[in-house]
Protein backbone atom coordinates (compact mmCIF):
# COMPACT_ATOMS: atom_id res chain seq x y z
CA MET A 1 -11.80 -20.49 -15.75
CA ALA A 2 -10.88 -20.28 -12.07
CA ASN A 3 -8.34 -23.10 -12.49
CA PHE A 4 -6.86 -21.42 -15.57
CA LEU A 5 -6.46 -18.09 -13.75
CA SER A 6 -4.93 -19.86 -10.76
CA GLN A 7 -2.41 -21.68 -12.96
CA LEU A 8 -1.61 -18.50 -14.90
CA GLU A 9 -1.04 -16.61 -11.64
CA HIS A 10 1.24 -19.42 -10.41
CA ILE A 11 3.36 -19.33 -13.61
CA ILE A 12 3.68 -15.53 -13.59
CA THR A 13 4.58 -15.59 -9.90
CA ILE A 14 7.37 -18.12 -10.44
CA VAL A 15 8.83 -16.10 -13.31
CA SER A 16 8.56 -12.83 -11.37
CA ASP A 17 10.05 -14.29 -8.19
CA THR A 18 12.97 -15.65 -10.23
CA ILE A 19 13.69 -12.42 -12.10
CA TRP A 20 13.33 -9.72 -9.43
CA PRO A 21 16.16 -10.80 -7.09
CA ILE A 22 18.49 -10.57 -10.11
CA PHE A 23 16.92 -7.44 -11.59
CA LEU A 24 16.92 -5.42 -8.36
CA PRO A 25 20.72 -5.04 -7.99
CA PHE A 26 20.94 -4.40 -11.74
CA ILE A 27 18.42 -1.56 -11.77
CA LEU A 28 19.91 0.01 -8.63
CA VAL A 29 23.38 0.09 -10.20
CA VAL A 30 22.19 1.23 -13.64
CA GLY A 31 19.84 3.80 -12.09
CA ALA A 32 22.60 5.20 -9.86
CA ILE A 33 25.06 5.46 -12.77
CA THR A 34 22.43 7.14 -14.96
CA SER A 35 21.50 9.66 -12.27
CA ILE A 36 25.09 10.52 -11.35
CA ARG A 37 26.19 11.03 -14.95
CA THR A 38 23.02 12.98 -15.80
CA ILE A 39 23.23 15.38 -12.84
CA PHE A 40 26.99 15.93 -12.76
CA ILE A 41 27.95 15.69 -16.45
CA VAL A 42 25.03 15.87 -18.91
CA GLN A 43 23.03 18.50 -17.03
CA LYS A 44 26.01 20.83 -16.62
CA GLN A 45 27.10 20.70 -20.25
CA ALA A 46 23.86 20.17 -22.18
CA THR A 47 21.32 22.38 -20.35
CA LYS A 48 21.04 25.94 -19.14
CA PRO A 49 20.19 26.85 -15.52
CA SER A 50 16.50 27.49 -14.94
CA THR A 51 14.32 28.20 -11.94
CA LEU A 52 11.10 26.47 -11.01
CA LYS A 53 8.23 28.86 -11.71
CA LEU A 54 5.17 28.11 -9.59
CA LYS A 55 2.72 29.00 -12.37
CA ASN A 56 4.44 26.49 -14.69
CA ALA A 57 4.58 23.79 -12.04
CA ILE A 58 0.99 23.72 -10.74
CA GLY A 59 -0.73 22.46 -13.90
CA PRO A 60 1.75 19.74 -15.02
CA ALA A 61 2.39 18.59 -11.44
CA ALA A 62 -1.34 18.31 -10.74
CA ILE A 63 -1.94 16.34 -13.93
CA SER A 64 1.00 14.01 -13.25
CA LEU A 65 -0.07 13.55 -9.64
CA GLY A 66 -3.66 12.81 -10.63
CA ALA A 67 -2.62 10.20 -13.19
CA MET A 68 0.15 8.75 -11.02
CA ILE A 69 -1.07 8.44 -7.48
CA GLY A 70 -3.97 6.11 -8.30
CA THR A 71 -5.41 3.24 -6.35
CA GLY A 72 -2.06 1.48 -6.49
CA ALA A 73 -0.99 3.78 -3.66
CA VAL A 74 -3.47 1.90 -1.48
CA VAL A 75 -4.37 -1.41 -3.16
CA GLY A 76 -0.84 -2.16 -4.38
CA VAL A 77 0.89 -1.37 -1.10
CA MET A 78 -1.67 -3.32 0.93
CA GLY A 79 -1.07 -6.29 -1.36
CA ALA A 80 2.68 -6.01 -0.82
CA LEU A 81 2.23 -5.81 2.97
CA SER A 82 0.01 -8.90 2.91
CA LYS A 83 2.56 -10.78 0.78
CA LEU A 84 5.38 -9.77 3.14
CA TYR A 85 3.37 -10.94 6.17
CA ALA A 86 2.56 -14.25 4.48
CA ALA A 87 6.28 -14.80 3.84
CA GLY A 88 6.94 -14.61 7.60
CA GLN A 89 7.78 -10.93 8.15
CA HIS A 90 5.27 -9.78 10.76
CA ASN A 91 7.08 -6.45 11.18
CA ILE A 92 5.43 -5.18 8.01
CA GLU A 93 6.61 -1.64 8.81
CA ALA A 94 9.97 -2.66 7.35
CA LEU A 95 8.47 -2.30 3.86
CA ALA A 96 8.39 1.48 4.33
CA ILE A 97 12.07 1.79 5.17
CA TRP A 98 13.10 -0.61 2.38
CA ALA A 99 11.05 1.45 -0.07
CA LEU A 100 12.50 4.74 1.14
CA ILE A 101 16.03 3.36 0.71
CA GLY A 102 15.15 2.39 -2.86
CA ALA A 103 13.60 5.82 -3.40
CA LEU A 104 16.98 7.47 -2.72
CA ILE A 105 18.10 6.04 -6.06
CA MET A 106 14.83 5.86 -7.98
CA VAL A 107 13.64 9.42 -7.31
CA PRO A 108 16.79 10.86 -8.97
CA VAL A 109 16.03 8.47 -11.86
CA SER A 110 12.70 10.30 -12.31
CA TYR A 111 14.61 13.57 -12.51
CA SER A 112 17.15 12.10 -14.95
CA GLU A 113 14.68 10.48 -17.34
CA THR A 114 12.71 13.72 -17.62
CA LEU A 115 15.82 15.85 -18.12
CA ASN A 116 17.36 13.55 -20.73
CA SER A 117 14.08 13.15 -22.59
CA LYS A 118 13.69 16.94 -22.82
CA ILE A 119 17.28 17.31 -24.01
CA MET A 120 16.67 14.80 -26.80
CA GLY A 121 13.17 16.09 -27.54
CA LYS A 122 12.02 12.47 -27.81
CA THR A 123 9.58 10.22 -25.97
CA PRO A 124 10.92 6.93 -24.51
CA LYS A 125 9.70 4.90 -27.49
CA GLU A 126 11.47 7.33 -29.83
CA TYR A 127 14.81 7.46 -28.01
CA ILE A 128 14.85 3.68 -27.45
CA SER A 129 14.26 3.21 -31.18
CA TYR A 130 16.95 5.80 -31.97
CA LEU A 131 19.64 4.65 -29.53
CA ILE A 132 19.13 0.88 -29.62
CA SER A 133 16.54 -0.56 -32.03
CA PRO A 134 13.09 0.28 -33.47
CA LYS A 135 11.99 -3.26 -32.58
CA LEU A 136 12.93 -2.73 -28.93
CA GLY A 137 11.10 0.60 -29.05
CA MET A 138 7.99 -1.26 -30.19
CA VAL A 139 8.43 -3.86 -27.42
CA TYR A 140 8.60 -0.99 -24.94
CA ALA A 141 5.43 0.61 -26.35
CA VAL A 142 3.43 -2.64 -26.29
CA CYS A 143 4.53 -3.44 -22.73
CA PHE A 144 3.79 0.10 -21.55
CA VAL A 145 0.25 -0.01 -22.92
CA ALA A 146 -0.29 -3.45 -21.39
CA LEU A 147 0.98 -2.16 -18.04
CA SER A 148 -0.89 1.15 -17.97
CA VAL A 149 -4.22 -0.01 -19.41
CA PHE A 150 -4.42 -3.64 -18.31
CA GLY A 151 -2.11 -3.74 -15.27
CA PHE A 152 -2.65 -0.38 -13.59
CA GLY A 153 -6.23 -0.36 -14.89
CA GLY A 154 -6.78 -3.64 -13.09
CA PHE A 155 -5.65 -2.03 -9.83
CA GLN A 156 -8.13 0.79 -10.36
CA PHE A 157 -11.06 -1.52 -11.08
CA SER A 158 -10.09 -3.61 -8.08
CA GLY A 159 -10.28 -0.46 -5.95
CA ILE A 160 -13.68 0.54 -7.35
CA ASP A 161 -14.98 -3.01 -6.85
CA SER A 162 -13.76 -3.05 -3.25
CA VAL A 163 -15.21 0.38 -2.42
CA SER A 164 -18.62 -0.63 -3.82
CA ALA A 165 -18.61 -3.79 -1.68
CA ILE A 166 -17.58 -1.84 1.43
CA VAL A 167 -20.14 0.96 0.94
CA ALA A 168 -22.94 -1.54 0.25
CA SER A 169 -22.06 -3.46 3.40
CA LYS A 170 -21.47 -0.47 5.69
CA PHE A 171 -24.33 1.83 4.68
CA MET A 172 -26.92 -0.52 3.18
CA GLY A 173 -26.29 -3.72 5.07
CA ILE A 174 -26.06 -5.61 1.77
CA GLU A 175 -23.47 -8.29 1.09
CA THR A 176 -22.90 -8.26 -2.65
CA THR A 177 -21.63 -11.15 -4.75
CA PHE A 178 -18.81 -10.98 -7.31
CA MET A 179 -21.31 -11.14 -10.16
CA GLN A 180 -23.50 -8.36 -8.71
CA ARG A 181 -20.54 -6.01 -8.33
CA TYR A 182 -19.31 -6.89 -11.78
CA LEU A 183 -22.67 -6.28 -13.50
CA PHE A 184 -23.79 -3.24 -11.55
CA ILE A 185 -20.50 -1.47 -10.77
CA VAL A 186 -17.62 -2.54 -12.99
CA VAL A 187 -19.57 -2.94 -16.26
CA PRO A 188 -21.22 0.53 -15.94
CA VAL A 189 -17.78 2.08 -15.30
CA ILE A 190 -16.45 0.33 -18.43
CA ILE A 191 -19.42 1.67 -20.41
CA ILE A 192 -18.83 5.24 -19.14
CA VAL A 193 -15.13 5.02 -20.04
CA ALA A 194 -16.04 3.66 -23.49
CA LEU A 195 -18.55 6.45 -24.15
CA LEU A 196 -16.04 9.13 -23.10
CA VAL A 197 -13.32 7.73 -25.35
CA LEU A 198 -15.66 7.17 -28.30
CA SER A 199 -17.07 10.69 -27.96
CA LYS A 200 -13.50 12.12 -27.89
CA ARG A 201 -14.37 14.00 -24.68
CA HIS A 202 -12.15 11.98 -22.38
CA GLU A 203 -9.51 14.75 -22.10
CA VAL A 204 -12.04 17.27 -20.79
CA PHE A 205 -13.34 14.73 -18.30
CA MET A 206 -9.83 13.73 -17.24
CA ASP A 207 -8.80 17.35 -16.68
CA ALA A 208 -11.79 17.82 -14.39
CA MET A 209 -11.05 14.54 -12.62
CA THR A 210 -7.41 15.54 -12.15
CA TYR A 211 -8.31 18.63 -10.14
CA MET A 212 -10.90 16.59 -8.24
CA ILE A 213 -8.24 14.04 -7.31
CA GLY A 214 -6.05 16.97 -6.25
CA THR A 215 -8.80 17.92 -3.80
CA ALA A 216 -9.13 14.29 -2.70
CA VAL A 217 -5.37 14.09 -2.06
CA ALA A 218 -5.58 17.26 0.05
CA ALA A 219 -8.42 15.69 2.05
CA TYR A 220 -6.33 12.52 2.34
CA PHE A 221 -3.48 14.49 3.93
CA ILE A 222 -5.93 16.14 6.35
CA PHE A 223 -7.27 12.70 7.26
CA PHE A 224 -3.77 11.33 7.79
CA THR A 225 -2.80 14.31 9.97
CA ILE A 226 -5.84 13.67 12.17
CA PHE A 227 -5.03 9.94 12.19
CA VAL A 228 -1.43 10.57 13.32
CA ILE A 229 -2.47 13.07 16.01
CA LYS A 230 -5.00 10.62 17.44
CA THR A 231 -2.53 7.72 17.34
CA ALA A 232 0.60 9.66 18.35
CA SER A 233 1.36 7.16 21.11
CA TYR A 234 1.68 4.45 18.44
CA ILE A 235 4.52 6.15 16.50
CA PRO A 236 7.32 4.60 18.64
CA THR A 237 5.82 1.15 18.03
CA TYR A 238 5.75 1.83 14.28
CA LEU A 239 9.40 2.92 14.27
CA HIS A 240 10.40 -0.06 16.42
CA GLY A 241 8.68 -2.37 13.93
CA MET A 242 10.73 -0.80 11.13
CA ILE A 243 13.99 -1.48 12.99
CA GLN A 244 13.02 -5.05 13.89
CA GLY A 245 12.01 -5.78 10.31
CA MET A 246 15.30 -4.40 8.99
CA MET A 247 17.30 -6.47 11.50
CA ASN A 248 15.42 -9.65 10.60
CA PRO A 249 14.74 -9.53 6.85
CA VAL A 250 12.93 -12.30 4.99
CA ASN A 251 15.22 -13.44 2.21
CA ALA A 252 14.00 -13.89 -1.35
CA MET A 253 15.22 -16.69 -3.62
CA LEU A 254 18.73 -15.33 -4.19
CA GLY A 255 19.18 -13.67 -0.81
CA VAL A 256 17.88 -10.16 -1.57
CA PRO A 257 15.50 -9.20 1.27
CA LEU A 258 11.89 -9.67 0.20
CA GLY A 259 10.91 -6.37 1.79
CA PHE A 260 13.41 -4.55 -0.44
CA ILE A 261 12.02 -6.24 -3.57
CA LEU A 262 8.40 -5.46 -2.63
CA GLY A 263 9.32 -1.92 -1.61
CA MET A 264 11.09 -1.25 -4.92
CA GLN A 265 8.17 -2.71 -6.86
CA LYS A 266 5.80 -0.33 -5.10
CA ILE A 267 8.11 2.67 -5.68
CA ILE A 268 8.28 1.90 -9.41
CA GLN A 269 4.57 1.10 -9.59
CA THR A 270 3.13 4.05 -7.71
CA ALA A 271 5.64 6.79 -8.57
CA GLU A 272 6.31 5.37 -12.07
CA THR A 273 10.04 5.97 -11.69
CA GLY A 274 12.04 4.60 -14.58
CA LEU A 275 9.00 3.56 -16.61
CA GLY A 276 9.07 6.57 -18.95
CA ALA A 277 5.65 8.01 -18.08
CA LEU A 278 7.13 11.22 -16.67
CA ALA A 279 9.34 11.60 -19.75
CA MET A 280 6.29 11.28 -22.02
CA ALA A 281 4.32 13.83 -20.05
CA ALA A 282 7.26 16.26 -20.10
CA GLN A 283 7.25 16.39 -23.90
CA GLU A 284 3.88 18.16 -23.78
CA SER A 285 5.23 21.15 -21.82
CA ASP A 286 7.27 24.15 -22.96
CA SER A 287 9.47 24.01 -19.87
CA GLU A 288 13.25 23.94 -20.14
CA PRO A 289 14.89 20.56 -19.32
CA ARG A 290 15.92 21.45 -15.77
CA GLU A 291 12.56 23.00 -14.92
CA ALA A 292 10.66 20.04 -16.42
CA ALA A 293 12.81 17.65 -14.37
CA MET A 294 12.15 19.60 -11.16
CA ILE A 295 8.41 19.62 -11.89
CA ALA A 296 8.55 15.83 -12.29
CA LEU A 297 9.96 15.49 -8.77
CA ILE A 298 6.88 17.04 -7.13
CA PRO A 299 4.34 14.27 -7.90
CA THR A 300 7.07 11.63 -7.48
CA ILE A 301 7.92 12.67 -3.92
CA VAL A 302 4.26 13.20 -2.94
CA THR A 303 3.29 9.80 -4.34
CA VAL A 304 6.12 8.01 -2.55
CA PHE A 305 5.05 9.57 0.75
CA VAL A 306 1.32 8.85 0.27
CA SER A 307 1.78 5.31 -0.97
CA ILE A 308 4.55 4.09 1.29
CA VAL A 309 4.52 6.04 4.56
CA VAL A 310 0.79 6.80 4.90
CA THR A 311 -0.57 3.41 3.86
CA SER A 312 2.00 1.39 5.80
CA TYR A 313 1.43 3.43 8.99
CA ILE A 314 -2.34 2.96 8.88
CA ALA A 315 -1.97 -0.74 8.03
CA SER A 316 0.58 -1.23 10.81
CA TYR A 317 -1.78 0.35 13.35
CA GLY A 318 -4.63 -1.85 12.10
CA VAL A 319 -2.56 -5.04 12.38
CA ARG A 320 -1.27 -4.25 15.87
CA ASN A 321 -4.79 -3.43 17.09
CA GLY A 322 -6.41 -6.55 15.65
CA ILE A 323 -8.43 -4.77 12.94
CA ILE A 324 -6.38 -5.97 9.96
CA HIS A 325 -5.53 -9.64 9.57
CA PHE A 326 -2.91 -10.57 6.96
CA PRO A 327 -2.71 -12.39 4.62
CA ALA A 328 -6.04 -11.57 2.99
CA ASP A 329 -7.67 -11.09 -0.41
CA THR A 330 -8.02 -7.67 -2.04
CA ILE A 331 -11.51 -6.77 -0.80
CA THR A 332 -10.79 -8.02 2.72
CA ARG A 333 -7.55 -6.01 2.84
CA LEU A 334 -9.25 -2.79 1.76
CA THR A 335 -12.27 -3.39 4.00
CA GLN A 336 -10.01 -3.79 7.02
CA LEU A 337 -7.97 -0.71 6.04
CA PHE A 338 -11.18 1.33 5.78
CA GLU A 339 -12.32 -0.03 9.14
CA THR A 340 -9.01 1.07 10.66
CA ALA A 341 -9.48 4.57 9.25
CA GLN A 342 -13.06 4.68 10.55
CA ASP A 343 -12.03 3.35 13.95
CA VAL A 344 -9.70 6.32 14.47
CA THR A 345 -11.29 9.20 12.52
CA GLY A 346 -14.93 8.13 12.24
CA VAL A 347 -17.03 8.32 9.08
CA PHE A 348 -14.80 11.13 7.76
CA GLY A 349 -11.98 8.64 7.20
CA LEU A 350 -14.28 6.21 5.38
CA ILE A 351 -15.59 8.96 3.08
CA VAL A 352 -12.10 10.30 2.28
CA PHE A 353 -10.77 6.83 1.48
CA SER A 354 -13.77 6.06 -0.74
CA LEU A 355 -13.54 9.34 -2.71
CA PHE A 356 -9.76 9.08 -3.04
CA THR A 357 -10.00 5.52 -4.35
CA VAL A 358 -12.78 6.11 -6.87
CA LEU A 359 -11.58 9.47 -8.23
CA SER A 360 -7.97 8.38 -8.59
CA ALA A 361 -9.11 5.15 -10.24
CA LEU A 362 -11.16 6.93 -12.92
CA THR A 363 -8.37 9.44 -13.57
CA THR A 364 -5.78 6.70 -14.00
CA ILE A 365 -7.98 4.56 -16.26
CA LEU A 366 -8.57 7.46 -18.65
CA GLY A 367 -4.97 8.65 -18.33
CA SER A 368 -3.77 5.32 -19.73
CA TYR A 369 -5.56 6.10 -23.01
CA TYR A 370 -3.53 9.31 -23.26
CA TYR A 371 -0.31 7.30 -23.10
CA MET A 372 -1.58 4.88 -25.71
CA THR A 373 -2.27 7.66 -28.21
CA LYS A 374 1.23 9.06 -27.66
CA LEU A 375 2.93 5.70 -28.13
CA PHE A 376 0.95 4.64 -31.20
CA LYS A 377 0.52 7.89 -33.11
CA SER A 378 0.62 6.10 -36.47
CA ASN A 379 -2.39 3.91 -35.64
CA HIS A 380 -5.82 4.95 -36.80
CA ILE A 381 -7.73 6.43 -33.87
CA ASN A 382 -10.39 3.71 -34.08
CA THR A 383 -7.70 1.04 -33.85
CA ASN A 384 -6.32 2.57 -30.67
CA ILE A 385 -9.81 2.87 -29.21
CA ALA A 386 -10.63 -0.77 -30.01
CA ILE A 387 -7.40 -2.07 -28.42
CA TYR A 388 -7.86 0.19 -25.40
CA LEU A 389 -11.44 -0.94 -24.78
CA VAL A 390 -10.52 -4.63 -25.07
CA LEU A 391 -7.75 -4.16 -22.48
CA VAL A 392 -10.03 -2.12 -20.20
CA PHE A 393 -12.75 -4.78 -20.40
CA THR A 394 -10.22 -7.53 -19.61
CA ALA A 395 -8.74 -5.55 -16.73
CA GLY A 396 -12.19 -4.84 -15.25
CA THR A 397 -13.21 -8.49 -15.50
CA LEU A 398 -10.02 -9.87 -13.98
CA ALA A 399 -10.13 -7.23 -11.22
CA VAL A 400 -13.28 -8.89 -9.93
CA PHE A 401 -12.67 -12.55 -10.73
CA GLY A 402 -8.87 -12.89 -10.82
CA ALA A 403 -7.24 -9.84 -9.28
CA ASN A 404 -4.03 -11.62 -8.27
CA VAL A 405 -3.25 -12.37 -11.93
CA VAL A 406 -3.27 -8.62 -12.60
CA PHE A 407 -1.03 -7.90 -9.61
CA GLU A 408 1.58 -10.48 -10.66
CA ALA A 409 1.46 -9.33 -14.30
CA VAL A 410 2.17 -5.76 -13.19
CA ASP A 411 5.37 -6.80 -11.41
CA LEU A 412 6.57 -8.67 -14.51
CA LEU A 413 5.79 -5.83 -16.92
CA MET A 414 7.51 -3.28 -14.68
CA PHE A 415 10.70 -5.33 -14.87
CA VAL A 416 10.64 -5.24 -18.68
CA LEU A 417 9.82 -1.53 -18.99
CA CYS A 418 12.15 -0.23 -16.32
CA GLY A 419 15.01 -2.40 -17.55
CA ILE A 420 14.70 -1.22 -21.16
CA ASN A 421 14.14 2.46 -20.36
CA VAL A 422 16.82 3.01 -17.72
CA THR A 423 19.43 1.02 -19.66
CA THR A 424 18.75 3.19 -22.74
CA LEU A 425 19.14 6.35 -20.65
CA MET A 426 22.45 5.09 -19.29
CA ILE A 427 23.66 4.51 -22.86
CA PHE A 428 22.64 8.09 -23.67
CA THR A 429 24.70 9.48 -20.79
CA PHE A 430 27.81 7.65 -22.03
CA LYS A 431 27.58 8.14 -25.77
CA ALA A 432 24.82 10.15 -27.41
CA TRP A 433 24.58 13.17 -25.11
CA LYS A 434 27.63 14.93 -26.60
CA LYS A 435 25.76 15.90 -29.77
CA TYR A 436 23.43 17.98 -27.54
CA LYS A 437 26.31 19.68 -25.74
CA LEU A 438 26.00 23.47 -25.61
CA ASP A 439 28.73 25.48 -27.32
CA ASP A 440 31.34 27.34 -25.28
CA ASN A 441 29.50 30.69 -25.44
CA ASP A 442 26.31 29.15 -24.07
CA LEU A 443 28.26 27.36 -21.34
CA ASP A 444 30.03 30.57 -20.29
CA GLN A 445 26.71 32.40 -20.17
CA SER A 446 25.16 29.57 -18.13
CA LYS A 447 28.00 29.76 -15.61
CA ARG A 448 27.52 33.51 -15.23
CA VAL A 449 23.78 33.08 -14.69
CA SER A 450 24.29 30.36 -12.11
């Protein structure tokens, strides 16, 4: 089995490394065109001005943030930093600036996909089927479920597995084996998830978990503030590392800097820009298109900051001070990150990291079932549950015994989903949007209001 997983990981890696240098310029161009046409043409002529009401924003933004921020904000970014280091870029801080450059285009894509989806009144599967082909809509739905349940779920289980190993070692002095963590941590979590879904009470649990993760994120920001204050003298070194990394990029296969590719992958993965998740969530609200799009920006911007800036700063400090040693496997990476947090902020940092990882993991795992029910409404509920549980079981198993396969599969699935979704939205901004254009009276009234 180990050889099979190793070979599978190798094949997926080759395919992913071949595709992404080509896909990256494509998605940047298509995303920029989509955003520009949406904001300056479609928005002006197909929507009415609206203001962001705080009471309308808190609930949807909290739910989106809870489902979005996840363990990928830590596990995924640490994996990217380790991969960048292994490729020869020891100024790992460069990943943050590459990602922020990509975010300048991808964050407006989040706004655009939400706005356009609300204008059409359709989920991504529906507008892809309508504008291009029902078969492509089904491909999108299958890939999205595979990504959210298996791919992102694998990240979450990997985080839970790592936290259990760290806590057992730090507080109990016990070094656990893969099998022990699988049987006594991962399997019980799978059983709890299964019972919640089978009992149809997962939404109540997820709502509670969402507000708990909101509290954990607040604690995470407090921790990071303390961390920055205590390491203020390190900030110039961090910024210098960014500049050095940008001046000396590690080239990927076709010459696109590897840091840019990894940074964009983490932006798409953690903030879910271009994947259609925000567009699906927006269909559940009564907000007007512009307000829904503004609400979508809140969790997107927060997630980008938490995942890219916070994690890379802590990791950079750990590397420079000999606490973190890249490259490393998933558990070692997280253990060293936790040790860095504890080294600066004491046990408080370790507790915050542990709670953040576990709570966000559970929220994201259950949130993926929500997306599945929205994408496959025609399926019998028991069919959706059966497929979901099989994917969750597979993700949990591979998270312990073959985590790298999950990580590589995520990068490949993101390419498919983002490519299909953003291309469809660009087509909408060129052709189909005119049927949703407001009449002259509505436009005149909108201008007077604005």
